[in-house]
N, C-alpha and C. Protein backbone atom coordinates (compact mmCIF):
# COMPACT_ATOMS: atom_id res chain seq x y z
N MET A 1 -21.65 -5.44 9.28
CA MET A 1 -20.23 -5.49 9.09
C MET A 1 -19.87 -5.53 7.60
N VAL A 2 -20.74 -6.06 6.80
CA VAL A 2 -20.47 -6.14 5.37
C VAL A 2 -20.39 -4.74 4.76
N HIS A 3 -21.26 -3.84 5.21
CA HIS A 3 -21.24 -2.47 4.69
C HIS A 3 -19.92 -1.79 5.04
N LEU A 4 -19.45 -2.00 6.25
CA LEU A 4 -18.17 -1.43 6.67
C LEU A 4 -17.03 -1.99 5.83
N LEU A 5 -17.06 -3.29 5.58
CA LEU A 5 -16.00 -3.90 4.78
C LEU A 5 -16.04 -3.44 3.33
N PHE A 6 -17.25 -3.29 2.78
CA PHE A 6 -17.35 -2.77 1.41
C PHE A 6 -16.80 -1.36 1.32
N SER A 7 -17.14 -0.51 2.28
CA SER A 7 -16.63 0.86 2.25
C SER A 7 -15.11 0.88 2.46
N LEU A 8 -14.58 -0.01 3.30
CA LEU A 8 -13.14 -0.09 3.51
C LEU A 8 -12.43 -0.52 2.23
N VAL A 9 -12.97 -1.51 1.54
CA VAL A 9 -12.36 -1.98 0.29
C VAL A 9 -12.41 -0.87 -0.76
N MET A 10 -13.51 -0.17 -0.86
CA MET A 10 -13.62 0.92 -1.85
C MET A 10 -12.63 2.04 -1.53
N MET A 11 -12.48 2.35 -0.25
CA MET A 11 -11.55 3.39 0.15
C MET A 11 -10.11 2.97 -0.16
N GLU A 12 -9.77 1.72 0.11
CA GLU A 12 -8.43 1.24 -0.20
C GLU A 12 -8.17 1.24 -1.70
N MET A 13 -9.17 0.88 -2.48
CA MET A 13 -9.01 0.91 -3.94
C MET A 13 -8.79 2.34 -4.43
N ALA A 14 -9.49 3.30 -3.82
CA ALA A 14 -9.28 4.70 -4.19
C ALA A 14 -7.86 5.14 -3.84
N PHE A 15 -7.36 4.73 -2.68
CA PHE A 15 -5.98 5.04 -2.31
C PHE A 15 -5.00 4.47 -3.31
N ILE A 16 -5.22 3.24 -3.73
CA ILE A 16 -4.32 2.60 -4.70
C ILE A 16 -4.35 3.35 -6.02
N LEU A 17 -5.52 3.76 -6.47
CA LEU A 17 -5.60 4.53 -7.71
C LEU A 17 -4.89 5.87 -7.59
N VAL A 18 -5.06 6.53 -6.45
CA VAL A 18 -4.39 7.83 -6.24
C VAL A 18 -2.88 7.63 -6.23
N LEU A 19 -2.40 6.57 -5.58
CA LEU A 19 -0.97 6.33 -5.51
C LEU A 19 -0.38 5.85 -6.84
N SER A 20 -1.20 5.32 -7.71
CA SER A 20 -0.71 4.76 -8.97
C SER A 20 -0.34 5.83 -9.99
N PHE A 21 -0.96 6.98 -9.94
CA PHE A 21 -0.73 8.01 -10.94
C PHE A 21 -0.20 9.28 -10.28
N ALA A 22 0.73 9.93 -10.97
CA ALA A 22 1.31 11.16 -10.44
C ALA A 22 0.30 12.29 -10.56
N ASN A 23 -0.09 12.83 -9.42
CA ASN A 23 -1.01 13.96 -9.37
C ASN A 23 -0.81 14.68 -8.04
N PRO A 24 -1.38 15.87 -7.89
CA PRO A 24 -1.18 16.61 -6.63
C PRO A 24 -1.77 15.91 -5.41
N ILE A 25 -2.81 15.13 -5.60
CA ILE A 25 -3.41 14.44 -4.47
C ILE A 25 -2.47 13.36 -3.95
N ARG A 26 -1.68 12.77 -4.87
CA ARG A 26 -0.75 11.72 -4.45
C ARG A 26 0.27 12.25 -3.46
N THR A 27 0.76 13.47 -3.68
CA THR A 27 1.73 14.03 -2.73
C THR A 27 1.11 14.18 -1.35
N LEU A 28 -0.16 14.59 -1.31
CA LEU A 28 -0.83 14.71 -0.01
C LEU A 28 -1.01 13.35 0.65
N VAL A 29 -1.39 12.35 -0.14
CA VAL A 29 -1.60 11.00 0.41
C VAL A 29 -0.27 10.43 0.91
N VAL A 30 0.81 10.65 0.16
CA VAL A 30 2.12 10.14 0.57
C VAL A 30 2.56 10.82 1.87
N LYS A 31 2.35 12.14 1.96
CA LYS A 31 2.70 12.84 3.20
C LYS A 31 1.85 12.35 4.37
N GLY A 32 0.57 12.09 4.11
CA GLY A 32 -0.30 11.57 5.16
C GLY A 32 0.14 10.18 5.61
N LEU A 33 0.53 9.33 4.66
CA LEU A 33 1.03 8.00 5.02
C LEU A 33 2.36 8.09 5.77
N ASP A 34 3.20 9.07 5.39
CA ASP A 34 4.44 9.28 6.13
C ASP A 34 4.16 9.62 7.59
N ILE A 35 3.20 10.51 7.80
CA ILE A 35 2.83 10.91 9.16
C ILE A 35 2.22 9.72 9.90
N LEU A 36 1.41 8.94 9.21
CA LEU A 36 0.77 7.78 9.83
C LEU A 36 1.80 6.73 10.25
N LYS A 37 2.89 6.61 9.49
CA LYS A 37 3.91 5.60 9.80
C LYS A 37 4.88 6.06 10.88
N GLN A 38 4.70 7.25 11.41
CA GLN A 38 5.57 7.72 12.49
C GLN A 38 4.88 7.49 13.83
N GLY A 39 5.65 7.38 14.87
CA GLY A 39 5.10 7.26 16.22
C GLY A 39 4.39 5.94 16.43
N ARG A 40 3.16 6.02 16.90
CA ARG A 40 2.39 4.82 17.22
C ARG A 40 1.56 4.30 16.04
N GLY A 41 1.64 4.95 14.92
CA GLY A 41 0.87 4.54 13.75
C GLY A 41 1.10 3.10 13.32
N PRO A 42 2.36 2.67 13.17
CA PRO A 42 2.58 1.27 12.77
C PRO A 42 2.03 0.26 13.78
N LEU A 43 2.13 0.59 15.05
CA LEU A 43 1.61 -0.31 16.08
C LEU A 43 0.10 -0.46 15.96
N VAL A 44 -0.59 0.65 15.77
CA VAL A 44 -2.05 0.62 15.62
C VAL A 44 -2.43 -0.14 14.34
N THR A 45 -1.72 0.13 13.26
CA THR A 45 -2.02 -0.53 12.00
C THR A 45 -1.81 -2.04 12.10
N LYS A 46 -0.72 -2.45 12.72
CA LYS A 46 -0.46 -3.89 12.88
C LYS A 46 -1.50 -4.54 13.79
N THR A 47 -1.93 -3.81 14.82
CA THR A 47 -2.94 -4.36 15.72
C THR A 47 -4.27 -4.55 14.99
N VAL A 48 -4.67 -3.56 14.22
CA VAL A 48 -5.93 -3.67 13.47
C VAL A 48 -5.83 -4.80 12.44
N ALA A 49 -4.69 -4.89 11.76
CA ALA A 49 -4.52 -5.95 10.76
C ALA A 49 -4.53 -7.32 11.42
N ALA A 50 -3.90 -7.45 12.58
CA ALA A 50 -3.90 -8.73 13.28
C ALA A 50 -5.31 -9.11 13.74
N THR A 51 -6.05 -8.12 14.22
CA THR A 51 -7.44 -8.37 14.63
C THR A 51 -8.28 -8.82 13.44
N MET A 52 -8.12 -8.13 12.31
CA MET A 52 -8.86 -8.53 11.11
C MET A 52 -8.47 -9.93 10.66
N PHE A 53 -7.18 -10.27 10.80
CA PHE A 53 -6.73 -11.61 10.41
C PHE A 53 -7.33 -12.68 11.31
N VAL A 54 -7.45 -12.39 12.60
CA VAL A 54 -8.06 -13.34 13.53
C VAL A 54 -9.54 -13.52 13.21
N VAL A 55 -10.23 -12.42 12.95
CA VAL A 55 -11.65 -12.50 12.58
C VAL A 55 -11.81 -13.23 11.25
N PHE A 56 -10.89 -13.00 10.33
CA PHE A 56 -10.89 -13.71 9.05
C PHE A 56 -10.74 -15.21 9.27
N GLY A 57 -9.79 -15.59 10.12
CA GLY A 57 -9.62 -17.01 10.44
C GLY A 57 -10.84 -17.61 11.09
N SER A 58 -11.48 -16.87 11.99
CA SER A 58 -12.69 -17.34 12.64
C SER A 58 -13.82 -17.54 11.62
N THR A 59 -13.93 -16.63 10.70
CA THR A 59 -14.97 -16.73 9.67
C THR A 59 -14.72 -17.94 8.77
N VAL A 60 -13.47 -18.15 8.40
CA VAL A 60 -13.14 -19.32 7.57
C VAL A 60 -13.43 -20.60 8.34
N TYR A 61 -13.13 -20.62 9.63
CA TYR A 61 -13.42 -21.79 10.46
C TYR A 61 -14.93 -22.05 10.51
N THR A 62 -15.73 -20.99 10.65
CA THR A 62 -17.18 -21.14 10.66
C THR A 62 -17.69 -21.69 9.33
N ILE A 63 -17.10 -21.23 8.24
CA ILE A 63 -17.50 -21.72 6.92
C ILE A 63 -17.21 -23.21 6.80
N THR A 64 -16.02 -23.62 7.23
CA THR A 64 -15.69 -25.05 7.14
C THR A 64 -16.57 -25.89 8.06
N LYS A 65 -16.95 -25.33 9.21
CA LYS A 65 -17.83 -26.06 10.13
C LYS A 65 -19.21 -26.25 9.52
N ILE A 66 -19.71 -25.22 8.85
CA ILE A 66 -21.02 -25.33 8.20
C ILE A 66 -20.96 -26.34 7.06
N GLN A 67 -19.87 -26.33 6.28
CA GLN A 67 -19.72 -27.30 5.20
C GLN A 67 -19.66 -28.72 5.75
N LYS A 68 -18.94 -28.92 6.84
CA LYS A 68 -18.84 -30.25 7.44
C LYS A 68 -20.20 -30.72 7.95
N ARG A 69 -20.96 -29.79 8.56
CA ARG A 69 -22.29 -30.14 9.06
C ARG A 69 -23.21 -30.55 7.93
N SER A 70 -23.12 -29.86 6.79
CA SER A 70 -23.97 -30.23 5.66
C SER A 70 -23.55 -31.57 5.05
N LYS A 71 -22.26 -31.87 5.07
CA LYS A 71 -21.80 -33.18 4.58
C LYS A 71 -22.26 -34.30 5.51
N ASP A 72 -22.23 -34.04 6.82
CA ASP A 72 -22.66 -35.07 7.79
C ASP A 72 -24.16 -35.33 7.69
N ALA A 73 -24.92 -34.35 7.22
CA ALA A 73 -26.36 -34.51 7.09
C ALA A 73 -26.73 -35.27 5.82
N GLY A 74 -25.75 -35.73 5.08
CA GLY A 74 -26.03 -36.51 3.87
C GLY A 74 -26.25 -35.65 2.65
N GLY A 75 -25.64 -34.47 2.60
CA GLY A 75 -25.77 -33.62 1.43
C GLY A 75 -26.96 -32.69 1.47
N MET A 76 -27.82 -32.83 2.46
CA MET A 76 -28.97 -31.94 2.58
C MET A 76 -28.50 -30.62 3.18
N VAL A 77 -28.75 -29.56 2.45
CA VAL A 77 -28.32 -28.24 2.90
C VAL A 77 -29.50 -27.53 3.54
N ASN A 78 -29.32 -27.12 4.77
CA ASN A 78 -30.34 -26.36 5.48
C ASN A 78 -30.37 -24.95 4.89
N PRO A 79 -31.54 -24.40 4.54
CA PRO A 79 -31.59 -23.06 3.96
C PRO A 79 -30.98 -21.99 4.87
N THR A 80 -31.14 -22.14 6.17
CA THR A 80 -30.55 -21.18 7.09
C THR A 80 -29.02 -21.26 7.03
N ASP A 81 -28.49 -22.47 7.01
CA ASP A 81 -27.04 -22.65 6.90
C ASP A 81 -26.51 -22.08 5.59
N GLU A 82 -27.31 -22.23 4.53
CA GLU A 82 -26.89 -21.72 3.23
C GLU A 82 -26.78 -20.20 3.25
N VAL A 83 -27.75 -19.53 3.88
CA VAL A 83 -27.72 -18.07 3.98
C VAL A 83 -26.56 -17.62 4.86
N VAL A 84 -26.39 -18.29 6.01
CA VAL A 84 -25.30 -17.93 6.92
C VAL A 84 -23.95 -18.16 6.24
N MET A 85 -23.83 -19.25 5.50
CA MET A 85 -22.57 -19.53 4.82
C MET A 85 -22.27 -18.50 3.75
N ALA A 86 -23.28 -18.10 3.00
CA ALA A 86 -23.08 -17.07 1.97
C ALA A 86 -22.64 -15.76 2.61
N HIS A 87 -23.24 -15.41 3.73
CA HIS A 87 -22.89 -14.18 4.44
C HIS A 87 -21.46 -14.26 4.96
N ARG A 88 -21.11 -15.38 5.57
CA ARG A 88 -19.75 -15.55 6.11
C ARG A 88 -18.72 -15.58 4.98
N LEU A 89 -19.07 -16.19 3.87
CA LEU A 89 -18.16 -16.23 2.72
C LEU A 89 -17.91 -14.82 2.18
N LEU A 90 -18.95 -14.02 2.11
CA LEU A 90 -18.80 -12.63 1.69
C LEU A 90 -17.91 -11.86 2.66
N GLU A 91 -18.14 -12.03 3.95
CA GLU A 91 -17.31 -11.36 4.95
C GLU A 91 -15.85 -11.80 4.83
N ALA A 92 -15.62 -13.10 4.69
CA ALA A 92 -14.26 -13.60 4.60
C ALA A 92 -13.54 -13.07 3.37
N SER A 93 -14.24 -13.06 2.25
CA SER A 93 -13.60 -12.57 1.02
C SER A 93 -13.31 -11.08 1.11
N LEU A 94 -14.21 -10.31 1.69
CA LEU A 94 -13.97 -8.87 1.83
C LEU A 94 -12.83 -8.59 2.80
N MET A 95 -12.76 -9.35 3.90
CA MET A 95 -11.65 -9.16 4.85
C MET A 95 -10.32 -9.54 4.23
N GLY A 96 -10.28 -10.65 3.54
CA GLY A 96 -9.04 -11.06 2.88
C GLY A 96 -8.60 -10.06 1.83
N PHE A 97 -9.55 -9.58 1.05
CA PHE A 97 -9.24 -8.60 0.02
C PHE A 97 -8.79 -7.29 0.65
N SER A 98 -9.40 -6.91 1.76
CA SER A 98 -9.01 -5.69 2.46
C SER A 98 -7.58 -5.80 3.01
N LEU A 99 -7.24 -6.94 3.59
CA LEU A 99 -5.87 -7.15 4.08
C LEU A 99 -4.87 -7.10 2.94
N PHE A 100 -5.22 -7.71 1.82
CA PHE A 100 -4.34 -7.70 0.65
C PHE A 100 -4.15 -6.28 0.13
N LEU A 101 -5.23 -5.52 0.01
CA LEU A 101 -5.12 -4.15 -0.48
C LEU A 101 -4.31 -3.28 0.48
N GLY A 102 -4.41 -3.55 1.78
CA GLY A 102 -3.59 -2.83 2.75
C GLY A 102 -2.11 -3.07 2.51
N MET A 103 -1.76 -4.32 2.21
CA MET A 103 -0.35 -4.62 1.89
C MET A 103 0.08 -3.95 0.60
N VAL A 104 -0.81 -3.89 -0.38
CA VAL A 104 -0.48 -3.23 -1.65
C VAL A 104 -0.24 -1.74 -1.42
N ILE A 105 -1.08 -1.10 -0.61
CA ILE A 105 -0.90 0.32 -0.31
C ILE A 105 0.44 0.54 0.39
N ASP A 106 0.79 -0.31 1.33
CA ASP A 106 2.05 -0.18 2.04
C ASP A 106 3.23 -0.31 1.08
N ARG A 107 3.20 -1.28 0.19
CA ARG A 107 4.30 -1.47 -0.76
C ARG A 107 4.37 -0.30 -1.74
N GLN A 108 3.22 0.17 -2.23
CA GLN A 108 3.23 1.32 -3.15
C GLN A 108 3.84 2.53 -2.47
N HIS A 109 3.48 2.76 -1.22
CA HIS A 109 4.03 3.90 -0.49
C HIS A 109 5.54 3.76 -0.36
N SER A 110 6.01 2.57 -0.04
CA SER A 110 7.46 2.36 0.09
C SER A 110 8.18 2.60 -1.23
N TYR A 111 7.61 2.11 -2.32
CA TYR A 111 8.23 2.30 -3.62
C TYR A 111 8.23 3.77 -4.03
N ILE A 112 7.17 4.47 -3.75
CA ILE A 112 7.10 5.90 -4.09
C ILE A 112 8.14 6.67 -3.29
N ARG A 113 8.29 6.37 -1.99
CA ARG A 113 9.31 7.03 -1.17
C ARG A 113 10.71 6.75 -1.73
N GLU A 114 10.95 5.52 -2.15
CA GLU A 114 12.25 5.16 -2.71
C GLU A 114 12.50 5.91 -4.02
N ILE A 115 11.49 5.99 -4.87
CA ILE A 115 11.64 6.71 -6.14
C ILE A 115 11.91 8.19 -5.88
N ILE A 116 11.21 8.77 -4.93
CA ILE A 116 11.43 10.19 -4.60
C ILE A 116 12.85 10.41 -4.12
N SER A 117 13.35 9.54 -3.25
CA SER A 117 14.72 9.71 -2.75
C SER A 117 15.74 9.52 -3.87
N LEU A 118 15.50 8.56 -4.78
CA LEU A 118 16.42 8.37 -5.90
C LEU A 118 16.41 9.57 -6.84
N ARG A 119 15.26 10.16 -7.06
CA ARG A 119 15.18 11.36 -7.90
C ARG A 119 15.94 12.52 -7.26
N GLU A 120 15.81 12.66 -5.95
CA GLU A 120 16.53 13.73 -5.26
C GLU A 120 18.04 13.53 -5.38
N LYS A 121 18.50 12.29 -5.24
CA LYS A 121 19.92 11.99 -5.38
C LYS A 121 20.38 12.27 -6.81
N LEU A 122 19.56 11.91 -7.78
CA LEU A 122 19.90 12.15 -9.19
C LEU A 122 20.02 13.64 -9.46
N GLU A 123 19.08 14.42 -8.93
CA GLU A 123 19.13 15.88 -9.12
C GLU A 123 20.39 16.45 -8.49
N ALA A 124 20.74 15.96 -7.30
CA ALA A 124 21.93 16.46 -6.61
C ALA A 124 23.19 16.12 -7.40
N THR A 125 23.28 14.91 -7.96
CA THR A 125 24.46 14.56 -8.75
C THR A 125 24.51 15.35 -10.06
N LYS A 126 23.36 15.63 -10.65
CA LYS A 126 23.35 16.46 -11.86
C LYS A 126 23.86 17.86 -11.56
N LYS A 127 23.43 18.44 -10.44
CA LYS A 127 23.91 19.76 -10.06
C LYS A 127 25.41 19.74 -9.79
N LEU A 128 25.87 18.70 -9.13
CA LEU A 128 27.29 18.57 -8.82
C LEU A 128 28.10 18.43 -10.11
N ASN A 129 27.62 17.62 -11.04
CA ASN A 129 28.31 17.46 -12.33
C ASN A 129 28.31 18.76 -13.11
N HIS A 130 27.20 19.48 -13.08
CA HIS A 130 27.11 20.76 -13.79
C HIS A 130 28.10 21.76 -13.19
N ASN A 131 28.19 21.81 -11.87
CA ASN A 131 29.14 22.71 -11.22
C ASN A 131 30.58 22.32 -11.55
N ASN A 132 30.88 21.03 -11.58
CA ASN A 132 32.23 20.57 -11.92
C ASN A 132 32.58 20.93 -13.36
N GLU A 133 31.62 20.79 -14.26
CA GLU A 133 31.86 21.16 -15.66
C GLU A 133 32.12 22.65 -15.80
N GLN A 134 31.37 23.46 -15.07
CA GLN A 134 31.60 24.91 -15.12
C GLN A 134 32.98 25.26 -14.59
N LYS A 135 33.41 24.60 -13.53
CA LYS A 135 34.75 24.85 -12.98
C LYS A 135 35.83 24.45 -13.98
N LYS A 136 35.62 23.30 -14.65
CA LYS A 136 36.60 22.85 -15.66
C LYS A 136 36.69 23.86 -16.80
N ARG A 137 35.55 24.37 -17.23
CA ARG A 137 35.54 25.36 -18.32
C ARG A 137 36.27 26.62 -17.91
N ARG A 138 36.04 27.06 -16.69
CA ARG A 138 36.73 28.26 -16.20
C ARG A 138 38.24 28.04 -16.16
N VAL A 139 38.64 26.88 -15.67
CA VAL A 139 40.07 26.57 -15.60
C VAL A 139 40.66 26.51 -17.00
N GLU A 140 39.95 25.88 -17.95
CA GLU A 140 40.43 25.80 -19.33
C GLU A 140 40.53 27.18 -19.95
N GLU A 141 39.54 28.05 -19.71
CA GLU A 141 39.57 29.41 -20.25
C GLU A 141 40.72 30.20 -19.66
N GLU A 142 40.98 30.02 -18.37
CA GLU A 142 42.10 30.74 -17.74
C GLU A 142 43.43 30.24 -18.26
N THR A 143 43.54 28.93 -18.48
CA THR A 143 44.81 28.41 -19.03
C THR A 143 45.01 28.88 -20.46
N GLU A 144 43.94 28.97 -21.25
CA GLU A 144 44.05 29.48 -22.61
C GLU A 144 44.46 30.94 -22.60
N LYS A 145 43.91 31.72 -21.66
CA LYS A 145 44.27 33.15 -21.56
C LYS A 145 45.73 33.31 -21.18
N THR A 146 46.18 32.46 -20.28
CA THR A 146 47.58 32.55 -19.86
C THR A 146 48.51 32.11 -20.98
N LYS A 147 48.08 31.14 -21.82
CA LYS A 147 48.90 30.71 -22.95
C LYS A 147 48.98 31.79 -24.02
N VAL A 148 47.90 32.50 -24.23
CA VAL A 148 47.85 33.55 -25.23
C VAL A 148 48.76 34.70 -24.83
N MET A 149 48.84 35.02 -23.57
CA MET A 149 49.66 36.14 -23.11
C MET A 149 51.08 35.74 -23.13
């Protein structure tokens, strides 16, 4: 499971790097995330995240149980418990980091979508202002022509 979690964390970090900088791959990733967030995608994502959170909680509970057992033994740490605890601690940290990176990817995607929509609105208002200015110039030129005649 540790190998799977390491690959998941690396993949999420790559997604964050792609989303952080403007490049052609980012547009593809944003479109893919848009498609993923439609239909049953959010339900599946929330289910997987909830499952990971439950497993994370179970792992943390196991870690605290091992720590309590070693304290009850008078500070003597069993080598097997030490190995199991290190493994569980690695799993817990990778799961927590993976959940955090998932939230970061979701927020980055939302912010990018918002920036794109604001840019589109800005472009539309610039075009509208440009058209209004051209109309004003035409009206002013026509009024000047009529005054000259």
